[in-house]
N, C-alpha and C. Protein backbone atom coordinates (compact mmCIF):
# COMPACT_ATOMS: atom_id res chain seq x y z
N MET A 1 60.47 -23.35 9.27
CA MET A 1 59.19 -22.72 9.48
C MET A 1 58.91 -22.75 10.99
N SER A 2 58.60 -21.59 11.52
CA SER A 2 58.35 -21.52 12.96
C SER A 2 56.98 -22.07 13.29
N LEU A 3 56.77 -22.37 14.53
CA LEU A 3 55.50 -22.92 14.99
C LEU A 3 54.38 -21.90 14.80
N GLU A 4 54.69 -20.62 15.04
CA GLU A 4 53.68 -19.57 14.89
C GLU A 4 53.24 -19.44 13.43
N THR A 5 54.17 -19.52 12.49
CA THR A 5 53.83 -19.43 11.07
C THR A 5 52.99 -20.62 10.64
N LYS A 6 53.36 -21.81 11.11
CA LYS A 6 52.61 -23.01 10.78
C LYS A 6 51.19 -22.92 11.35
N ASP A 7 51.07 -22.37 12.57
CA ASP A 7 49.75 -22.21 13.19
C ASP A 7 48.89 -21.24 12.39
N ARG A 8 49.49 -20.18 11.87
CA ARG A 8 48.75 -19.21 11.06
C ARG A 8 48.24 -19.83 9.78
N MET A 9 48.98 -20.74 9.22
CA MET A 9 48.59 -21.36 7.96
C MET A 9 47.43 -22.33 8.15
N THR A 10 47.27 -22.88 9.33
CA THR A 10 46.23 -23.88 9.55
C THR A 10 44.97 -23.31 10.15
N THR A 11 45.00 -22.07 10.62
CA THR A 11 43.80 -21.47 11.21
C THR A 11 43.23 -20.43 10.26
N THR A 12 41.94 -20.24 10.37
CA THR A 12 41.27 -19.22 9.55
C THR A 12 41.39 -17.87 10.24
N PRO A 13 41.21 -16.79 9.51
CA PRO A 13 41.27 -15.46 10.14
C PRO A 13 40.25 -15.31 11.26
N LEU A 14 39.07 -15.90 11.10
CA LEU A 14 38.05 -15.80 12.14
C LEU A 14 38.49 -16.51 13.41
N GLN A 15 39.17 -17.63 13.27
CA GLN A 15 39.67 -18.34 14.44
C GLN A 15 40.74 -17.52 15.15
N ARG A 16 41.60 -16.85 14.38
CA ARG A 16 42.63 -16.02 15.01
C ARG A 16 42.00 -14.85 15.74
N ILE A 17 40.98 -14.22 15.16
CA ILE A 17 40.31 -13.11 15.83
C ILE A 17 39.62 -13.61 17.09
N ALA A 18 38.97 -14.76 17.01
CA ALA A 18 38.31 -15.33 18.18
C ALA A 18 39.31 -15.60 19.28
N HIS A 19 40.48 -16.06 18.91
CA HIS A 19 41.52 -16.33 19.90
C HIS A 19 41.95 -15.03 20.58
N LEU A 20 42.06 -13.96 19.82
CA LEU A 20 42.47 -12.68 20.39
C LEU A 20 41.43 -12.11 21.34
N HIS A 21 40.18 -12.41 21.10
CA HIS A 21 39.10 -11.87 21.93
C HIS A 21 38.50 -12.91 22.86
N ASP A 22 39.25 -13.88 23.22
CA ASP A 22 38.83 -14.93 24.17
C ASP A 22 37.61 -15.69 23.69
N GLY A 23 37.37 -15.76 22.40
CA GLY A 23 36.28 -16.56 21.88
C GLY A 23 34.91 -15.92 21.98
N ASN A 24 34.80 -14.72 22.50
CA ASN A 24 33.50 -14.08 22.67
C ASN A 24 33.00 -13.43 21.38
N LEU A 25 33.89 -13.08 20.49
CA LEU A 25 33.49 -12.34 19.30
C LEU A 25 32.56 -13.14 18.39
N PRO A 26 32.85 -14.39 18.06
CA PRO A 26 31.92 -15.11 17.18
C PRO A 26 30.54 -15.29 17.81
N ALA A 27 30.47 -15.52 19.10
CA ALA A 27 29.17 -15.68 19.76
C ALA A 27 28.39 -14.37 19.73
N GLU A 28 29.10 -13.26 19.98
CA GLU A 28 28.44 -11.96 19.94
C GLU A 28 27.98 -11.63 18.52
N ALA A 29 28.83 -11.93 17.54
CA ALA A 29 28.46 -11.65 16.16
C ALA A 29 27.27 -12.50 15.74
N ALA A 30 27.24 -13.76 16.16
CA ALA A 30 26.11 -14.63 15.82
C ALA A 30 24.82 -14.13 16.47
N ALA A 31 24.91 -13.68 17.71
CA ALA A 31 23.74 -13.16 18.40
C ALA A 31 23.23 -11.89 17.73
N ARG A 32 24.17 -11.04 17.33
CA ARG A 32 23.79 -9.79 16.67
C ARG A 32 23.15 -10.09 15.31
N ALA A 33 23.71 -11.04 14.56
CA ALA A 33 23.14 -11.41 13.26
C ALA A 33 21.75 -12.01 13.43
N GLY A 34 21.57 -12.82 14.47
CA GLY A 34 20.25 -13.39 14.74
C GLY A 34 19.23 -12.33 15.08
N ALA A 35 19.65 -11.34 15.86
CA ALA A 35 18.73 -10.25 16.23
C ALA A 35 18.38 -9.42 14.99
N ASP A 36 19.37 -9.16 14.12
CA ASP A 36 19.10 -8.42 12.90
C ASP A 36 18.15 -9.18 11.99
N ARG A 37 18.34 -10.50 11.90
CA ARG A 37 17.49 -11.33 11.05
C ARG A 37 16.06 -11.32 11.56
N GLU A 38 15.89 -11.38 12.88
CA GLU A 38 14.53 -11.36 13.45
C GLU A 38 13.87 -10.02 13.19
N ARG A 39 14.64 -8.94 13.33
CA ARG A 39 14.08 -7.61 13.12
C ARG A 39 13.65 -7.42 11.67
N ARG A 40 14.44 -7.97 10.72
CA ARG A 40 14.12 -7.84 9.31
C ARG A 40 13.10 -8.87 8.85
N GLY A 41 12.75 -9.80 9.67
CA GLY A 41 11.81 -10.83 9.25
C GLY A 41 12.48 -11.89 8.41
N ASN A 42 13.63 -12.35 8.85
CA ASN A 42 14.40 -13.38 8.15
C ASN A 42 14.84 -12.95 6.75
N GLY A 43 15.00 -11.63 6.55
CA GLY A 43 15.52 -11.13 5.29
C GLY A 43 14.51 -11.09 4.16
N ARG A 44 13.26 -11.40 4.42
CA ARG A 44 12.26 -11.41 3.36
C ARG A 44 11.19 -10.39 3.69
N GLU A 45 11.22 -9.26 3.00
CA GLU A 45 10.20 -8.24 3.18
C GLU A 45 9.23 -8.32 2.00
N SER A 46 7.98 -8.07 2.28
CA SER A 46 7.00 -8.07 1.19
C SER A 46 7.22 -6.81 0.34
N LEU A 47 6.68 -6.83 -0.85
CA LEU A 47 6.82 -5.70 -1.75
C LEU A 47 6.16 -4.46 -1.15
N LEU A 48 5.02 -4.63 -0.51
CA LEU A 48 4.34 -3.50 0.12
C LEU A 48 5.20 -2.91 1.23
N THR A 49 5.84 -3.77 2.02
CA THR A 49 6.71 -3.30 3.10
C THR A 49 7.89 -2.53 2.53
N GLN A 50 8.45 -3.01 1.43
CA GLN A 50 9.56 -2.30 0.81
C GLN A 50 9.12 -0.94 0.28
N PHE A 51 7.91 -0.86 -0.28
CA PHE A 51 7.39 0.43 -0.74
C PHE A 51 7.20 1.38 0.43
N LEU A 52 6.62 0.89 1.51
CA LEU A 52 6.34 1.75 2.65
C LEU A 52 7.61 2.20 3.37
N ARG A 53 8.65 1.39 3.32
CA ARG A 53 9.92 1.77 3.95
C ARG A 53 10.79 2.59 3.02
N ARG A 54 10.26 2.94 1.88
CA ARG A 54 10.95 3.75 0.88
C ARG A 54 12.29 3.15 0.48
N ARG A 55 12.25 1.89 0.10
CA ARG A 55 13.43 1.23 -0.46
C ARG A 55 13.55 1.63 -1.92
N ARG A 56 14.76 1.82 -2.37
CA ARG A 56 14.98 2.34 -3.72
C ARG A 56 14.55 1.38 -4.82
N GLY A 57 14.85 0.12 -4.69
CA GLY A 57 14.61 -0.85 -5.76
C GLY A 57 13.20 -0.88 -6.30
N PRO A 58 12.19 -1.15 -5.45
CA PRO A 58 10.82 -1.22 -5.97
C PRO A 58 10.33 0.10 -6.56
N TRP A 59 10.71 1.22 -5.95
CA TRP A 59 10.27 2.52 -6.46
C TRP A 59 10.90 2.82 -7.82
N GLU A 60 12.19 2.47 -7.98
CA GLU A 60 12.83 2.68 -9.28
C GLU A 60 12.18 1.80 -10.35
N ASN A 61 11.82 0.59 -9.98
CA ASN A 61 11.13 -0.29 -10.93
C ASN A 61 9.78 0.29 -11.34
N LEU A 62 9.05 0.84 -10.39
CA LEU A 62 7.76 1.46 -10.69
C LEU A 62 7.94 2.68 -11.60
N ALA A 63 8.93 3.51 -11.30
CA ALA A 63 9.18 4.70 -12.12
C ALA A 63 9.57 4.29 -13.55
N THR A 64 10.39 3.26 -13.67
CA THR A 64 10.78 2.77 -14.99
C THR A 64 9.58 2.24 -15.75
N ALA A 65 8.68 1.54 -15.07
CA ALA A 65 7.47 1.02 -15.71
C ALA A 65 6.58 2.17 -16.19
N ILE A 66 6.48 3.23 -15.39
CA ILE A 66 5.66 4.39 -15.79
C ILE A 66 6.26 5.05 -17.03
N ILE A 67 7.58 5.17 -17.08
CA ILE A 67 8.23 5.74 -18.26
C ILE A 67 7.96 4.87 -19.50
N ALA A 68 8.07 3.55 -19.33
CA ALA A 68 7.82 2.63 -20.45
C ALA A 68 6.37 2.72 -20.93
N ILE A 69 5.45 2.83 -20.00
CA ILE A 69 4.03 2.98 -20.38
C ILE A 69 3.83 4.28 -21.16
N GLY A 70 4.49 5.35 -20.71
CA GLY A 70 4.40 6.62 -21.42
C GLY A 70 4.94 6.54 -22.83
N VAL A 71 6.05 5.82 -23.01
CA VAL A 71 6.62 5.66 -24.35
C VAL A 71 5.68 4.84 -25.23
N LEU A 72 5.10 3.79 -24.67
CA LEU A 72 4.13 3.00 -25.45
C LEU A 72 2.91 3.84 -25.82
N MET A 73 2.46 4.69 -24.91
CA MET A 73 1.33 5.58 -25.20
C MET A 73 1.70 6.55 -26.33
N LEU A 74 2.94 6.99 -26.35
CA LEU A 74 3.41 7.94 -27.36
C LEU A 74 3.48 7.29 -28.74
N MET A 75 3.85 6.03 -28.79
CA MET A 75 4.10 5.37 -30.08
C MET A 75 2.89 4.65 -30.66
N GLN A 76 1.81 4.53 -29.93
CA GLN A 76 0.65 3.79 -30.45
C GLN A 76 -0.15 4.68 -31.41
N PRO A 77 -0.72 4.10 -32.44
CA PRO A 77 -1.44 4.90 -33.45
C PRO A 77 -2.96 4.87 -33.30
N PHE A 78 -3.49 4.34 -32.20
CA PHE A 78 -4.93 4.08 -32.13
C PHE A 78 -5.73 5.17 -31.43
N ALA A 79 -5.29 5.65 -30.29
CA ALA A 79 -6.11 6.58 -29.51
C ALA A 79 -5.37 7.90 -29.30
N LEU A 80 -6.02 8.97 -29.70
CA LEU A 80 -5.42 10.29 -29.55
C LEU A 80 -5.30 10.69 -28.09
N SER A 81 -6.23 10.24 -27.24
CA SER A 81 -6.16 10.60 -25.82
C SER A 81 -4.92 9.99 -25.15
N LEU A 82 -4.57 8.76 -25.54
CA LEU A 82 -3.35 8.16 -24.98
C LEU A 82 -2.12 8.94 -25.42
N PHE A 83 -2.10 9.34 -26.69
CA PHE A 83 -0.99 10.15 -27.20
C PHE A 83 -0.91 11.48 -26.45
N THR A 84 -2.08 12.07 -26.17
CA THR A 84 -2.12 13.36 -25.49
C THR A 84 -1.50 13.29 -24.10
N TYR A 85 -1.77 12.21 -23.37
CA TYR A 85 -1.27 12.10 -22.00
C TYR A 85 0.09 11.40 -21.90
N SER A 86 0.67 11.03 -23.03
CA SER A 86 1.94 10.30 -22.98
C SER A 86 3.08 11.15 -22.44
N PHE A 87 3.13 12.43 -22.82
CA PHE A 87 4.22 13.28 -22.37
C PHE A 87 4.18 13.46 -20.85
N ILE A 88 3.00 13.74 -20.31
CA ILE A 88 2.90 13.93 -18.86
C ILE A 88 3.22 12.63 -18.12
N THR A 89 2.89 11.49 -18.73
CA THR A 89 3.21 10.20 -18.12
C THR A 89 4.72 9.98 -18.09
N ILE A 90 5.39 10.26 -19.20
CA ILE A 90 6.85 10.12 -19.25
C ILE A 90 7.50 11.09 -18.28
N LEU A 91 7.01 12.32 -18.24
CA LEU A 91 7.56 13.32 -17.32
C LEU A 91 7.37 12.91 -15.87
N THR A 92 6.20 12.38 -15.53
CA THR A 92 5.94 11.92 -14.16
C THR A 92 6.90 10.79 -13.78
N GLY A 93 7.07 9.84 -14.67
CA GLY A 93 8.00 8.74 -14.40
C GLY A 93 9.43 9.21 -14.24
N THR A 94 9.84 10.17 -15.05
CA THR A 94 11.21 10.68 -14.98
C THR A 94 11.45 11.43 -13.67
N VAL A 95 10.53 12.29 -13.31
CA VAL A 95 10.65 13.03 -12.04
C VAL A 95 10.62 12.07 -10.86
N MET A 96 9.76 11.08 -10.93
CA MET A 96 9.69 10.08 -9.86
C MET A 96 11.01 9.33 -9.75
N PHE A 97 11.61 8.95 -10.89
CA PHE A 97 12.88 8.24 -10.87
C PHE A 97 13.97 9.10 -10.24
N VAL A 98 14.00 10.37 -10.57
CA VAL A 98 15.01 11.27 -9.98
C VAL A 98 14.83 11.36 -8.47
N ILE A 99 13.60 11.45 -8.01
CA ILE A 99 13.34 11.56 -6.57
C ILE A 99 13.70 10.27 -5.85
N VAL A 100 13.25 9.13 -6.36
CA VAL A 100 13.48 7.87 -5.65
C VAL A 100 14.93 7.41 -5.74
N SER A 101 15.70 7.96 -6.66
CA SER A 101 17.11 7.58 -6.70
C SER A 101 17.87 8.12 -5.50
N HIS A 102 17.24 8.98 -4.73
CA HIS A 102 17.85 9.49 -3.50
C HIS A 102 17.42 8.70 -2.26
N PHE A 103 16.53 7.73 -2.43
CA PHE A 103 16.14 6.87 -1.31
C PHE A 103 17.31 5.97 -0.93
N ARG A 104 17.22 5.40 0.27
CA ARG A 104 18.29 4.49 0.70
C ARG A 104 18.15 3.16 -0.01
N GLU A 105 19.27 2.48 -0.11
CA GLU A 105 19.33 1.20 -0.82
C GLU A 105 18.52 0.21 -0.04
């Protein structure tokens, strides 16, 4: 086994890359990750912020909830007015889901 092969087995890929780039790459990557984390607010956005930034997840959840409410309105036997508006509620939720599925992740 050559010395180079033995060295490869004991070092991680990140250490080999750092060696190729004079050790500057991990420091630059850490600085860039820190800047990204600060910009995002440590990775924790409020639900309102996610809605305003048009993130797909919260909007899809809202559209799904509207569809579920429409189905419940359709299946309940108590109020005719709820039954009357159930179709438009389901349709609104479906159209909303189709639109928000094109938002960024």
